[in-house]
């Protein structure tokens, strides 16, 4: 090297021919922060289609997933929910075949001929159908009309319908436990004498045997996914997801991300699953309480999860809280099913992200938190409570590593390089501070760069991560002055 401060890559030092020689150096071109964007992997059961199970497919719309995974499949309905919540989401679908399981079934039983005309409204999940009834229609006729109405919307239904005499049988499209959470409700309008009896899906024949997501996780292992949307919400599969996230967030793999799932069942069960069984800073669960028999639509567990994942992916600022963010397309629960403030506090103490109903009957996030509640010593630990904390840590990590890779991919382990490395880290911290993601340290001396005493050619750094916290509570004391 002929010049100590100006190294050349392409202009050789042994040139003899007179001339002017120039080269471009882009190693210092990028001086800002990397873009904060989220790529989502959807792990969901398919029915039939062009997809092959446990392969990765890019989806640009829910229609793509209909073709690939089958109409009304869990993959289709979850994709529809995430695109409704965030039309610009970057989504890859990893379809999962049903295990050798059992699909859940339920029935709608009609009794007595109608003595007055009217309509009967039905909600299956969040899908609505209306059946017209004419005075004199028999129970068999009404049941046949119900079957026809449901099958007319089969492209959106999580169930298929069949009819025999006065009984309509509903069968979940996918095998497994999720079929047991498909609500069915009704409302009779003006029709007299006729009665409807619903046995919920999963109560005639219980859905059983969920597939494993293990192979789907293996399929996405080579790529970095910022959000893994898991439609299955049983402890076994979520345990596999937790292990995957921990493994690939570790320094050796360096592909940090979060896992998202949803729950609409019993609150206490959800709290135990999240805060006790899982207890992970890389998992987040959206909870919305429903009663299956309420005369209205009910979004399914994986639809809630998908909309929540879409909202998370919509932010380009990892430190910005998700409070009051709307989950477009998710059905609001009935008034008597909505979480009270005390119930919301309980979920927030136990690693569950509660959802509530805001203005205009819009379902929205109360506060997005992780399932992490206690440390390795089983002591309550709020350090990683908010989802934005882990997202901000991961983003800051990305920003620092990106700068280091740009500047030092071909560098020497010298004191001069050590100083340059510290300066670049401080510059990234300054940019993070300006973006209000991390706060700049009180002193530059808080950033340490040391040469490893054992491994030659290695520098070790210590970088303070003062993550900016979301503003969640404002407490006012109103002082009366007369």
Protein backbone atom coordinates (compact mmCIF):
# COMPACT_ATOMS: atom_id res chain seq x y z
CA UNK A 1 0.00 0.00 0.00
CA UNK A 2 1.66 3.22 -1.19
CA UNK A 3 -0.70 5.57 0.68
CA UNK A 4 -1.38 4.96 4.39
CA UNK A 5 -4.78 6.68 4.42
CA UNK A 6 -6.06 6.08 0.88
CA UNK A 7 -6.25 2.37 0.02
CA UNK A 8 -7.09 1.38 -3.56
CA UNK A 9 -8.91 -1.74 -4.68
CA UNK A 10 -8.53 -1.44 -8.45
CA UNK A 11 -5.76 1.09 -9.12
CA UNK A 12 -2.55 -0.87 -8.92
CA UNK A 13 0.60 0.64 -7.41
CA UNK A 14 2.85 -0.81 -10.14
CA UNK A 15 1.38 1.24 -13.02
CA UNK A 16 4.02 2.88 -15.26
CA UNK A 17 1.92 4.35 -18.10
CA UNK A 18 1.12 8.04 -17.49
CA UNK A 19 -2.55 8.83 -16.99
CA UNK A 20 -5.37 9.57 -14.58
CA UNK A 21 -6.95 6.52 -12.98
CA UNK A 22 -10.11 6.55 -10.86
CA UNK A 23 -12.21 4.02 -9.01
CA UNK A 24 -15.50 4.27 -7.17
CA UNK A 25 -15.72 3.43 -3.49
CA UNK A 26 -19.24 2.86 -2.15
CA UNK A 27 -18.25 1.50 1.24
CA UNK A 28 -19.04 4.85 2.90
CA UNK A 29 -22.05 5.74 0.77
CA UNK A 30 -24.74 4.58 3.17
CA UNK A 31 -24.85 6.87 6.18
CA UNK A 32 -28.38 6.37 7.40
CA UNK A 33 -30.30 3.62 9.14
CA UNK A 34 -31.61 0.52 7.36
CA UNK A 35 -35.29 0.37 6.47
CA UNK A 36 -37.54 -1.13 9.13
CA UNK A 37 -39.69 -3.56 7.19
CA UNK A 38 -41.25 -6.85 8.19
CA UNK A 39 -41.46 -10.07 6.21
CA UNK A 40 -44.16 -12.45 7.46
CA UNK A 41 -44.25 -16.24 7.28
CA UNK A 42 -47.73 -17.78 7.59
CA UNK A 43 -47.81 -21.35 8.92
CA UNK A 44 -51.28 -22.73 8.26
CA UNK A 45 -53.19 -25.85 7.26
CA UNK A 46 -54.21 -26.33 3.64
CA UNK A 47 -57.02 -28.39 2.12
CA UNK A 48 -56.09 -28.84 -1.52
CA UNK A 49 -54.58 -26.83 -4.34
CA UNK A 50 -51.38 -26.13 -6.18
CA UNK A 51 -49.24 -25.80 -3.07
CA UNK A 52 -47.11 -28.66 -1.83
CA UNK A 53 -47.10 -28.94 1.93
CA UNK A 54 -44.12 -27.53 3.82
CA UNK A 55 -42.78 -25.48 0.93
CA UNK A 56 -42.54 -21.69 0.81
CA UNK A 57 -44.80 -19.64 -1.49
CA UNK A 58 -45.01 -15.87 -1.90
CA UNK A 59 -48.62 -14.61 -1.75
CA UNK A 60 -49.71 -11.23 -3.03
CA UNK A 61 -53.41 -11.64 -2.22
CA UNK A 62 -55.82 -14.00 -0.51
CA UNK A 63 -56.83 -15.27 -3.95
CA UNK A 64 -53.32 -16.64 -4.41
CA UNK A 65 -53.81 -18.72 -1.28
CA UNK A 66 -57.24 -19.95 -2.43
CA UNK A 67 -55.57 -21.39 -5.51
CA UNK A 68 -52.67 -22.80 -3.55
CA UNK A 69 -54.21 -24.05 -0.31
CA UNK A 70 -57.92 -24.39 -1.02
CA UNK A 71 -60.98 -22.25 -0.43
CA UNK A 72 -62.04 -21.93 3.19
CA UNK A 73 -58.82 -23.53 4.42
CA UNK A 74 -57.17 -22.13 7.50
CA UNK A 75 -54.38 -20.83 5.27
CA UNK A 76 -56.91 -19.02 3.05
CA UNK A 77 -58.88 -17.44 5.89
CA UNK A 78 -55.72 -16.34 7.73
CA UNK A 79 -54.30 -14.83 4.54
CA UNK A 80 -57.57 -13.01 3.90
CA UNK A 81 -57.45 -11.56 7.42
CA UNK A 82 -53.85 -10.35 7.20
CA UNK A 83 -54.34 -8.73 3.79
CA UNK A 84 -57.49 -7.03 5.05
CA UNK A 85 -55.58 -5.60 8.01
CA UNK A 86 -52.49 -4.72 5.95
CA UNK A 87 -52.83 -4.87 2.15
CA UNK A 88 -49.11 -4.14 1.69
CA UNK A 89 -47.83 -6.98 3.85
CA UNK A 90 -44.92 -9.05 2.55
CA UNK A 91 -46.30 -12.56 3.02
CA UNK A 92 -44.89 -16.01 2.45
CA UNK A 93 -47.20 -18.97 3.00
CA UNK A 94 -45.92 -22.30 4.27
CA UNK A 95 -48.86 -24.70 3.91
CA UNK A 96 -49.23 -27.61 6.31
CA UNK A 97 -51.14 -30.78 5.48
CA UNK A 98 -53.71 -32.07 7.95
CA UNK A 99 -52.47 -34.83 10.21
CA UNK A 100 -54.36 -38.13 10.28
CA UNK A 101 -56.89 -36.33 12.44
CA UNK A 102 -60.61 -35.77 12.82
CA UNK A 103 -62.57 -32.76 11.56
CA UNK A 104 -64.95 -31.15 14.03
CA UNK A 105 -68.66 -31.35 13.25
CA UNK A 106 -71.80 -29.65 14.51
CA UNK A 107 -75.47 -29.51 13.54
CA UNK A 108 -78.31 -27.10 12.90
CA UNK A 109 -81.62 -28.86 13.61
CA UNK A 110 -84.88 -27.33 12.38
CA UNK A 111 -88.20 -28.25 13.98
CA UNK A 112 -91.79 -27.36 13.06
CA UNK A 113 -93.24 -25.79 9.95
CA UNK A 114 -93.33 -22.00 9.79
CA UNK A 115 -96.66 -20.32 10.51
CA UNK A 116 -95.44 -16.84 9.51
CA UNK A 117 -92.98 -15.60 6.90
CA UNK A 118 -89.66 -13.97 7.75
CA UNK A 119 -85.94 -14.62 7.74
CA UNK A 120 -83.39 -16.49 9.79
CA UNK A 121 -79.90 -15.04 10.16
CA UNK A 122 -76.90 -17.32 10.66
CA UNK A 123 -73.30 -16.53 11.55
CA UNK A 124 -70.64 -19.19 11.05
CA UNK A 125 -67.43 -17.73 12.31
CA UNK A 126 -67.54 -14.22 10.92
CA UNK A 127 -69.54 -15.20 7.82
CA UNK A 128 -73.19 -14.17 7.61
CA UNK A 129 -75.98 -15.83 5.64
CA UNK A 130 -79.69 -15.08 5.62
CA UNK A 131 -82.40 -17.61 4.81
CA UNK A 132 -85.84 -16.52 3.64
CA UNK A 133 -88.74 -18.50 5.11
CA UNK A 134 -92.30 -18.51 3.79
CA UNK A 135 -95.29 -19.39 5.92
CA UNK A 136 -96.01 -23.08 5.48
CA UNK A 137 -92.40 -24.10 4.81
CA UNK A 138 -91.67 -27.44 6.45
CA UNK A 139 -88.69 -28.09 8.67
CA UNK A 140 -87.10 -30.10 5.85
CA UNK A 141 -87.59 -27.22 3.40
CA UNK A 142 -86.07 -24.70 5.78
CA UNK A 143 -83.10 -26.99 6.48
CA UNK A 144 -82.50 -27.41 2.76
CA UNK A 145 -82.57 -23.63 2.33
CA UNK A 146 -80.02 -23.24 5.14
CA UNK A 147 -77.75 -25.78 3.46
CA UNK A 148 -78.03 -23.98 0.13
CA UNK A 149 -77.29 -20.58 1.67
CA UNK A 150 -74.19 -21.84 3.47
CA UNK A 151 -72.81 -23.64 0.43
CA UNK A 152 -73.42 -20.55 -1.70
CA UNK A 153 -70.73 -18.83 0.41
CA UNK A 154 -68.48 -21.85 0.67
CA UNK A 155 -65.50 -19.89 -0.68
CA UNK A 156 -65.42 -17.98 2.63
CA UNK A 157 -66.64 -20.67 5.00
CA UNK A 158 -64.41 -22.63 7.40
CA UNK A 159 -66.97 -25.46 7.15
CA UNK A 160 -68.82 -27.46 4.54
CA UNK A 161 -72.55 -28.16 4.90
CA UNK A 162 -74.73 -31.15 4.11
CA UNK A 163 -78.41 -31.77 4.83
CA UNK A 164 -80.47 -34.82 5.72
CA UNK A 165 -84.17 -34.38 6.53
CA UNK A 166 -84.32 -31.42 8.94
CA UNK A 167 -80.67 -31.49 10.04
CA UNK A 168 -77.81 -29.51 8.53
CA UNK A 169 -74.39 -30.93 9.40
CA UNK A 170 -71.43 -28.56 9.50
CA UNK A 171 -67.97 -30.08 9.08
CA UNK A 172 -64.73 -28.18 9.55
CA UNK A 173 -62.66 -28.07 6.38
CA UNK A 174 -59.48 -28.88 8.27
CA UNK A 175 -58.84 -31.61 10.79
CA UNK A 176 -57.70 -30.77 14.28
CA UNK A 177 -58.52 -28.76 17.36
CA UNK A 178 -59.03 -25.40 15.65
CA UNK A 179 -62.29 -26.72 14.23
CA UNK A 180 -63.69 -26.88 17.76
CA UNK A 181 -63.53 -23.08 17.92
CA UNK A 182 -65.80 -22.31 14.95
CA UNK A 183 -68.85 -20.57 16.47
CA UNK A 184 -72.32 -20.83 14.97
CA UNK A 185 -75.21 -18.59 16.04
CA UNK A 186 -78.58 -17.51 14.68
CA UNK A 187 -81.44 -15.04 14.97
CA UNK A 188 -85.06 -15.65 13.91
CA UNK A 189 -86.89 -12.65 12.43
CA UNK A 190 -90.73 -12.84 12.36
CA UNK A 191 -90.81 -16.56 11.62
CA UNK A 192 -93.15 -18.28 14.08
CA UNK A 193 -93.52 -21.88 15.24
CA UNK A 194 -90.20 -22.94 13.70
CA UNK A 195 -87.36 -23.54 16.15
CA UNK A 196 -83.63 -23.82 15.61
CA UNK A 197 -81.29 -25.92 17.75
CA UNK A 198 -77.56 -25.55 17.20
CA UNK A 199 -75.02 -28.02 18.47
CA UNK A 200 -71.72 -26.21 18.11
CA UNK A 201 -69.03 -27.40 15.73
CA UNK A 202 -66.84 -29.70 17.78
CA UNK A 203 -69.67 -30.80 20.06
CA UNK A 204 -71.12 -33.50 17.80
CA UNK A 205 -67.72 -34.81 16.80
CA UNK A 206 -64.71 -33.14 18.36
CA UNK A 207 -61.88 -32.09 16.10
CA UNK A 208 -58.73 -33.94 17.03
CA UNK A 209 -55.03 -34.31 16.21
CA UNK A 210 -53.30 -31.15 15.10
CA UNK A 211 -50.42 -31.35 12.63
CA UNK A 212 -46.91 -30.36 13.69
CA UNK A 213 -45.25 -27.19 12.46
CA UNK A 214 -41.78 -28.74 12.80
CA UNK A 215 -41.24 -29.32 9.07
CA UNK A 216 -42.68 -25.92 8.19
CA UNK A 217 -40.20 -24.28 10.55
CA UNK A 218 -37.39 -26.26 8.94
CA UNK A 219 -38.56 -24.99 5.54
CA UNK A 220 -38.19 -21.34 6.55
CA UNK A 221 -34.95 -21.79 8.49
CA UNK A 222 -32.67 -20.63 5.63
CA UNK A 223 -34.45 -17.26 5.44
CA UNK A 224 -34.93 -14.46 7.94
CA UNK A 225 -38.58 -13.80 8.82
CA UNK A 226 -39.36 -10.88 11.08
CA UNK A 227 -42.80 -12.26 11.98
CA UNK A 228 -43.89 -15.90 12.04
CA UNK A 229 -47.68 -16.12 12.12
CA UNK A 230 -48.68 -19.45 13.63
CA UNK A 231 -52.34 -20.35 13.16
CA UNK A 232 -52.06 -23.33 15.50
CA UNK A 233 -52.27 -22.24 19.13
CA UNK A 234 -51.67 -25.44 21.09
CA UNK A 235 -48.84 -25.60 23.60
CA UNK A 236 -46.89 -28.22 21.67
CA UNK A 237 -46.65 -26.29 18.42
CA UNK A 238 -46.08 -22.98 20.16
CA UNK A 239 -43.27 -24.64 22.10
CA UNK A 240 -41.67 -25.62 18.79
CA UNK A 241 -42.06 -22.04 17.59
CA UNK A 242 -40.47 -20.69 20.76
CA UNK A 243 -37.46 -22.98 20.34
CA UNK A 244 -37.12 -21.99 16.68
CA UNK A 245 -37.22 -18.28 17.50
CA UNK A 246 -34.65 -18.62 20.28
CA UNK A 247 -32.36 -20.70 18.08
CA UNK A 248 -32.41 -18.37 15.10
CA UNK A 249 -32.21 -15.17 17.14
CA UNK A 250 -28.94 -16.37 18.67
CA UNK A 251 -25.72 -14.76 17.40
CA UNK A 252 -24.65 -17.79 15.37
CA UNK A 253 -27.78 -17.72 13.18
CA UNK A 254 -28.53 -14.00 13.56
CA UNK A 255 -32.09 -14.10 12.22
CA UNK A 256 -34.13 -12.56 15.04
CA UNK A 257 -37.89 -12.43 14.75
CA UNK A 258 -41.13 -12.77 16.69
CA UNK A 259 -43.98 -15.27 16.67
CA UNK A 260 -47.65 -14.23 16.64
CA UNK A 261 -50.73 -16.25 17.54
CA UNK A 262 -54.31 -15.59 18.61
CA UNK A 263 -56.80 -16.88 21.16
CA UNK A 264 -60.56 -16.42 21.63
CA UNK A 265 -61.29 -19.00 24.33
CA UNK A 266 -61.19 -18.97 28.12
CA UNK A 267 -59.12 -16.11 29.51
CA UNK A 268 -57.52 -18.10 32.34
CA UNK A 269 -56.41 -20.81 29.91
CA UNK A 270 -54.85 -18.22 27.64
CA UNK A 271 -53.03 -16.55 30.52
CA UNK A 272 -51.57 -19.85 31.70
CA UNK A 273 -50.46 -20.76 28.18
CA UNK A 274 -48.79 -17.40 27.58
CA UNK A 275 -47.35 -16.25 30.88
CA UNK A 276 -46.50 -19.62 32.43
CA UNK A 277 -46.04 -22.25 29.73
CA UNK A 278 -44.43 -20.10 27.02
CA UNK A 279 -42.94 -17.10 28.88
CA UNK A 280 -41.04 -15.83 25.85
CA UNK A 281 -40.05 -12.32 24.80
CA UNK A 282 -40.31 -13.42 21.16
CA UNK A 283 -43.94 -14.55 21.28
CA UNK A 284 -47.02 -12.34 21.40
CA UNK A 285 -50.67 -13.42 21.64
CA UNK A 286 -53.73 -11.34 20.76
CA UNK A 287 -56.74 -12.19 22.92
CA UNK A 288 -60.37 -11.44 22.10
CA UNK A 289 -63.13 -12.99 24.18
CA UNK A 290 -66.25 -14.33 22.46
CA UNK A 291 -69.38 -16.26 23.36
CA UNK A 292 -70.24 -18.73 20.59
CA UNK A 293 -73.99 -18.21 20.90
CA UNK A 294 -74.14 -14.42 20.60
CA UNK A 295 -76.27 -13.21 17.69
CA UNK A 296 -73.38 -11.79 15.68
CA UNK A 297 -70.21 -12.79 13.84
CA UNK A 298 -67.20 -14.18 15.62
CA UNK A 299 -63.69 -14.00 14.18
CA UNK A 300 -61.66 -17.19 14.48
CA UNK A 301 -58.48 -17.53 16.53
CA UNK A 302 -56.23 -17.49 13.50
CA UNK A 303 -58.08 -14.58 11.90
CA UNK A 304 -57.44 -12.53 15.05
CA UNK A 305 -53.78 -13.58 14.96
CA UNK A 306 -53.46 -12.71 11.28
CA UNK A 307 -54.96 -9.24 11.67
CA UNK A 308 -52.69 -8.60 14.67
CA UNK A 309 -49.64 -9.72 12.69
CA UNK A 310 -50.69 -7.43 9.85
CA UNK A 311 -50.87 -4.48 12.22
CA UNK A 312 -47.43 -5.25 13.66
CA UNK A 313 -45.98 -5.45 10.16
CA UNK A 314 -47.52 -2.10 9.21
CA UNK A 315 -45.22 -0.06 11.47
CA UNK A 316 -41.94 1.28 10.12
CA UNK A 317 -40.95 2.54 13.58
CA UNK A 318 -40.15 -0.35 15.95
CA UNK A 319 -40.44 1.88 19.03
CA UNK A 320 -43.90 3.24 18.24
CA UNK A 321 -46.55 1.63 20.48
CA UNK A 322 -49.50 -0.24 18.99
CA UNK A 323 -52.03 1.19 21.45
CA UNK A 324 -55.44 1.75 19.77
CA UNK A 325 -54.28 0.28 16.44
CA UNK A 326 -57.37 -1.10 14.68
CA UNK A 327 -57.61 -4.72 13.56
CA UNK A 328 -59.59 -4.16 10.38
CA UNK A 329 -62.01 -6.96 9.56
CA UNK A 330 -62.19 -8.49 13.03
CA UNK A 331 -65.70 -8.86 14.46
CA UNK A 332 -66.36 -7.04 17.75
CA UNK A 333 -67.66 -9.23 20.57
CA UNK A 334 -71.01 -8.55 22.19
CA UNK A 335 -71.04 -5.92 24.92
CA UNK A 336 -71.34 -8.45 27.73
CA UNK A 337 -68.31 -10.36 26.42
CA UNK A 338 -65.91 -7.43 26.29
CA UNK A 339 -63.05 -7.44 28.75
CA UNK A 340 -63.43 -5.21 31.77
CA UNK A 341 -60.54 -3.04 32.89
CA UNK A 342 -59.76 -5.56 35.64
CA UNK A 343 -59.71 -8.40 33.11
CA UNK A 344 -57.45 -6.39 30.84
CA UNK A 345 -55.05 -5.77 33.72
CA UNK A 346 -55.00 -9.51 34.38
CA UNK A 347 -54.06 -10.31 30.79
CA UNK A 348 -51.33 -7.68 30.84
CA UNK A 349 -49.93 -9.21 34.03
CA UNK A 350 -49.86 -12.65 32.41
CA UNK A 351 -48.26 -12.14 29.03
CA UNK A 352 -51.40 -11.64 26.92
CA UNK A 353 -52.14 -8.74 24.57
CA UNK A 354 -55.78 -7.76 25.19
CA UNK A 355 -58.00 -6.42 22.44
CA UNK A 356 -60.94 -4.11 23.05
CA UNK A 357 -63.72 -2.44 21.09
CA UNK A 358 -63.23 1.24 20.34
CA UNK A 359 -65.19 3.90 18.51
CA UNK A 360 -67.29 2.67 15.63
CA UNK A 361 -67.28 -0.89 16.99
CA UNK A 362 -63.68 -1.30 15.86
CA UNK A 363 -61.53 -3.97 17.49
CA UNK A 364 -58.22 -2.46 18.57
CA UNK A 365 -55.07 -3.22 20.53
CA UNK A 366 -54.99 -2.17 24.18
CA UNK A 367 -51.24 -2.65 24.61
CA UNK A 368 -49.01 -5.01 22.62
CA UNK A 369 -46.92 -7.11 24.98
CA UNK A 370 -44.89 -10.30 24.83
CA UNK A 371 -45.53 -13.53 26.72
CA UNK A 372 -42.41 -12.91 28.82
CA UNK A 373 -43.35 -12.51 32.48
CA UNK A 374 -40.60 -13.99 34.66
CA UNK A 375 -36.83 -14.45 34.43
CA UNK A 376 -34.85 -17.68 34.78
CA UNK A 377 -35.17 -17.41 38.57
CA UNK A 378 -38.99 -17.21 38.33
CA UNK A 379 -38.93 -13.59 39.47
CA UNK A 380 -41.40 -11.20 37.82
CA UNK A 381 -39.46 -9.24 35.21
CA UNK A 382 -40.98 -6.34 33.21
CA UNK A 383 -37.80 -5.72 31.18
CA UNK A 384 -39.24 -7.25 28.00
CA UNK A 385 -42.91 -6.60 28.68
CA UNK A 386 -43.67 -4.39 25.69
CA UNK A 387 -43.42 -5.83 22.21
CA UNK A 388 -41.72 -2.64 21.06
CA UNK A 389 -38.76 -3.36 23.35
CA UNK A 390 -37.68 -6.54 21.57
CA UNK A 391 -38.50 -5.01 18.18
CA UNK A 392 -36.34 -1.98 18.99
CA UNK A 393 -33.50 -4.14 20.28
CA UNK A 394 -33.57 -6.22 17.12
CA UNK A 395 -33.68 -3.13 14.93
CA UNK A 396 -30.78 -1.47 16.73
CA UNK A 397 -28.82 -4.68 16.41
CA UNK A 398 -29.56 -4.71 12.67
CA UNK A 399 -28.53 -1.07 12.28
CA UNK A 400 -25.21 -1.56 14.05
CA UNK A 401 -24.37 -4.80 12.27
CA UNK A 402 -25.29 -3.34 8.89
CA UNK A 403 -22.94 -0.40 9.43
CA UNK A 404 -20.14 -2.66 10.61
CA UNK A 405 -20.52 -4.92 7.58
CA UNK A 406 -20.51 -1.96 5.21
CA UNK A 407 -17.44 -0.33 6.71
CA UNK A 408 -15.29 -3.20 7.94
CA UNK A 409 -15.79 -6.16 5.62
CA UNK A 410 -12.12 -5.74 4.64
CA UNK A 411 -10.32 -4.20 7.58
CA UNK A 412 -7.27 -4.79 9.73
CA UNK A 413 -7.30 -5.42 13.46
CA UNK A 414 -5.36 -2.29 14.43
CA UNK A 415 -5.77 0.53 16.91
CA UNK A 416 -6.76 2.80 14.05
CA UNK A 417 -9.55 0.41 13.04
CA UNK A 418 -10.64 0.13 16.65
CA UNK A 419 -11.15 3.88 16.80
CA UNK A 420 -13.02 3.90 13.50
CA UNK A 421 -15.27 1.09 14.71
CA UNK A 422 -16.20 2.99 17.85
CA UNK A 423 -16.89 6.12 15.81
CA UNK A 424 -19.22 4.24 13.47
CA UNK A 425 -21.10 2.68 16.38
CA UNK A 426 -21.54 6.10 17.98
CA UNK A 427 -22.80 7.47 14.68
CA UNK A 428 -25.44 4.74 14.49
CA UNK A 429 -26.44 5.46 18.09
CA UNK A 430 -26.82 9.12 17.16
CA UNK A 431 -29.12 8.22 14.27
CA UNK A 432 -31.13 5.89 16.50
CA UNK A 433 -31.46 8.73 18.98
CA UNK A 434 -32.64 11.14 16.29
CA UNK A 435 -35.25 8.56 15.23
CA UNK A 436 -36.31 8.10 18.88
CA UNK A 437 -35.66 4.36 18.83
CA UNK A 438 -32.69 4.27 21.20
CA UNK A 439 -31.43 7.13 23.36
CA UNK A 440 -27.84 8.29 22.89
CA UNK A 441 -25.62 7.37 25.85
CA UNK A 442 -24.67 10.00 28.40
CA UNK A 443 -21.02 9.55 27.49
CA UNK A 444 -19.26 8.09 24.43
CA UNK A 445 -17.12 6.17 26.91
CA UNK A 446 -20.08 3.87 27.51
CA UNK A 447 -19.27 2.29 24.15
CA UNK A 448 -16.33 -0.08 24.60
CA UNK A 449 -14.25 -1.63 21.83
CA UNK A 450 -11.61 -4.14 22.91
CA UNK A 451 -9.31 -6.55 21.14
CA UNK A 452 -9.99 -10.13 22.15
CA UNK A 453 -7.13 -11.52 24.22
CA UNK A 454 -7.56 -15.06 22.89
CA UNK A 455 -9.02 -14.96 19.37
CA UNK A 456 -6.71 -13.15 16.98
CA UNK A 457 -8.37 -10.73 14.59
CA UNK A 458 -11.44 -10.24 16.78
CA UNK A 459 -12.79 -7.06 18.37
CA UNK A 460 -15.38 -7.20 21.15
CA UNK A 461 -17.77 -4.33 21.76
CA UNK A 462 -20.13 -3.33 24.55
CA UNK A 463 -22.94 -1.05 23.40
CA UNK A 464 -25.58 0.49 25.71
CA UNK A 465 -29.11 0.02 24.38
CA UNK A 466 -31.27 2.71 25.96
CA UNK A 467 -34.45 1.65 24.20
CA UNK A 468 -37.07 4.38 23.94
CA UNK A 469 -40.20 3.37 25.82
CA UNK A 470 -43.74 3.92 24.61
CA UNK A 471 -45.92 6.44 26.39
CA UNK A 472 -48.68 4.28 27.84
CA UNK A 473 -49.94 6.17 30.88
CA UNK A 474 -50.41 9.86 31.69
CA UNK A 475 -51.34 10.54 35.30
CA UNK A 476 -52.88 13.92 36.09
CA UNK A 477 -53.44 15.49 39.46
CA UNK A 478 -56.05 18.22 39.15
CA UNK A 479 -55.59 20.89 41.81
CA UNK A 480 -58.64 23.01 42.51
CA UNK A 481 -57.76 26.66 43.03
CA UNK A 482 -60.45 29.10 44.19
